Protein backbone atom coordinates (compact mmCIF):
# COMPACT_ATOMS: atom_id res chain seq x y z
CA MET A 1 -14.05 -17.98 5.33
CA ASN A 2 -16.52 -15.27 4.76
CA ILE A 3 -16.60 -11.77 3.57
CA ASN A 4 -15.62 -10.01 6.99
CA VAL A 5 -12.52 -12.21 7.31
CA ILE A 6 -11.45 -11.16 3.94
CA ARG A 7 -12.13 -7.78 4.37
CA ALA A 8 -10.31 -7.53 7.61
CA PHE A 9 -7.22 -9.25 5.78
CA PHE A 10 -7.44 -6.61 3.08
CA LYS A 11 -7.73 -3.79 5.86
CA TRP A 12 -4.35 -4.95 7.55
CA CYS A 13 -2.59 -5.57 4.39
CA THR A 14 -3.53 -2.14 3.49
CA ILE A 15 -2.64 -0.53 6.84
CA LEU A 16 0.75 -2.69 7.15
CA ASN A 17 1.84 -1.84 3.39
CA GLY A 18 0.85 1.76 3.52
CA GLY A 19 2.95 2.08 6.69
CA LEU A 20 5.93 0.28 5.06
CA LEU A 21 5.69 2.80 2.09
CA ILE A 22 5.36 5.91 4.49
CA PHE A 23 8.42 4.66 6.43
CA ALA A 24 10.43 3.81 3.20
CA SER A 25 9.46 7.09 1.79
CA LEU A 26 10.35 9.00 4.97
CA PHE A 27 13.57 6.90 5.31
CA ILE A 28 14.71 7.99 1.70
CA ARG A 29 13.89 11.72 2.48
CA PHE A 30 15.74 11.97 5.80
CA ALA A 31 18.50 9.10 5.57
CA GLY A 32 18.98 9.23 1.61
CA ASP A 33 22.60 10.24 1.69
CA TRP A 34 23.26 7.12 4.37
CA ALA A 35 21.23 4.49 1.96
CA PHE A 36 23.19 5.84 -1.26
CA GLY A 37 26.52 5.17 0.69
CA MET A 38 25.48 1.76 1.66
CA HIS A 39 24.45 1.01 -1.97
CA ARG A 40 27.24 2.66 -3.39
CA GLY A 41 29.48 0.18 -1.48
CA TRP A 42 27.80 -2.78 -2.70
CA ILE A 43 27.47 -1.76 -6.61
CA PRO A 44 28.89 1.26 -8.53
CA ILE A 45 25.92 3.64 -9.19
CA ALA A 46 25.86 7.32 -9.46
CA ARG A 47 23.71 9.43 -7.31
CA ASP A 48 21.34 10.82 -9.79
CA ALA A 49 20.80 6.94 -11.13
CA PHE A 50 20.10 5.93 -7.48
CA ASN A 51 17.94 8.90 -6.79
CA GLY A 52 15.80 7.90 -10.02
CA GLU A 53 15.87 3.99 -9.22
CA ILE A 54 14.71 4.92 -5.48
CA TYR A 55 11.80 7.17 -7.16
CA LEU A 56 10.60 4.09 -9.54
CA LEU A 57 10.78 1.68 -6.99
CA LEU A 58 8.67 3.81 -4.41
CA GLY A 59 6.32 4.64 -7.38
CA PHE A 60 6.04 0.95 -8.00
CA PHE A 61 5.21 -0.09 -4.53
CA LYS A 62 2.64 2.55 -4.12
CA ILE A 63 0.89 1.32 -7.51
CA ILE A 64 1.10 -2.20 -5.78
CA VAL A 65 -0.60 -1.23 -2.66
CA ILE A 66 -3.04 0.58 -4.33
CA ALA A 67 -3.94 -1.95 -6.70
CA PHE A 68 -3.57 -5.17 -4.67
CA ASN A 69 -4.62 -3.69 -1.28
CA LEU A 70 -6.52 -0.59 -1.11
CA VAL A 71 -8.74 -1.45 -4.13
CA PRO A 72 -9.72 -4.81 -3.05
CA TYR A 73 -10.50 -3.75 0.27
CA LEU A 74 -12.60 -0.79 -0.92
CA ALA A 75 -14.58 -3.12 -2.97
CA LEU A 76 -15.33 -5.52 -0.18
CA VAL A 77 -16.48 -2.65 1.86
CA ILE A 78 -18.93 -1.70 -0.70
CA VAL A 79 -20.02 -5.19 -1.48
CA GLY A 80 -20.55 -5.74 2.33
CA ARG A 81 -22.49 -2.41 2.60
CA ASP A 82 -24.84 -3.48 -0.30
CA GLN A 83 -25.29 -7.13 1.39
CA VAL A 84 -26.42 -5.11 4.54
CA SER A 85 -28.83 -3.25 2.89
CA ASN A 86 -30.33 -6.03 0.71
CA LYS A 87 -30.99 -8.11 3.72
CA PRO A 88 -34.84 -8.41 5.00
CA GLY A 89 -35.25 -6.10 7.84
CA GLY A 90 -32.08 -4.01 7.09
CA THR A 91 -32.10 -0.21 6.02
CA SER A 92 -31.96 0.55 2.62
CA VAL A 93 -29.84 3.96 1.89
CA ALA A 94 -31.46 4.30 -1.56
C-alpha cells in the first residue's frame, strides 16, 4: 500500500463524511420538526433539549470529520508534494 492509495482513501472519506455532515445539517434545518416528532415518540424530550443535543452531535461530528479525515488527507498531500519535489529530476518549488 503506497501513499497514493492512502491519500485517495482519506480524500474519499473526507468527501463522503463531509457530504453526510452537510446532508444532516440541511435535514435538521429543513425537517427539524419532523425529526423532533420522531424522537419524541421514542423518548420524552423537550424541544430545547433536542435542539441542544442535535447541535452538540453535529458539532462533534464536524470535529471528528476534520480531525480524522481532512487533516490526515491534507498532511498526505503535503508529504506527497515534498516527495515529488525531492526526487532527482523533479522541480523544486523552493
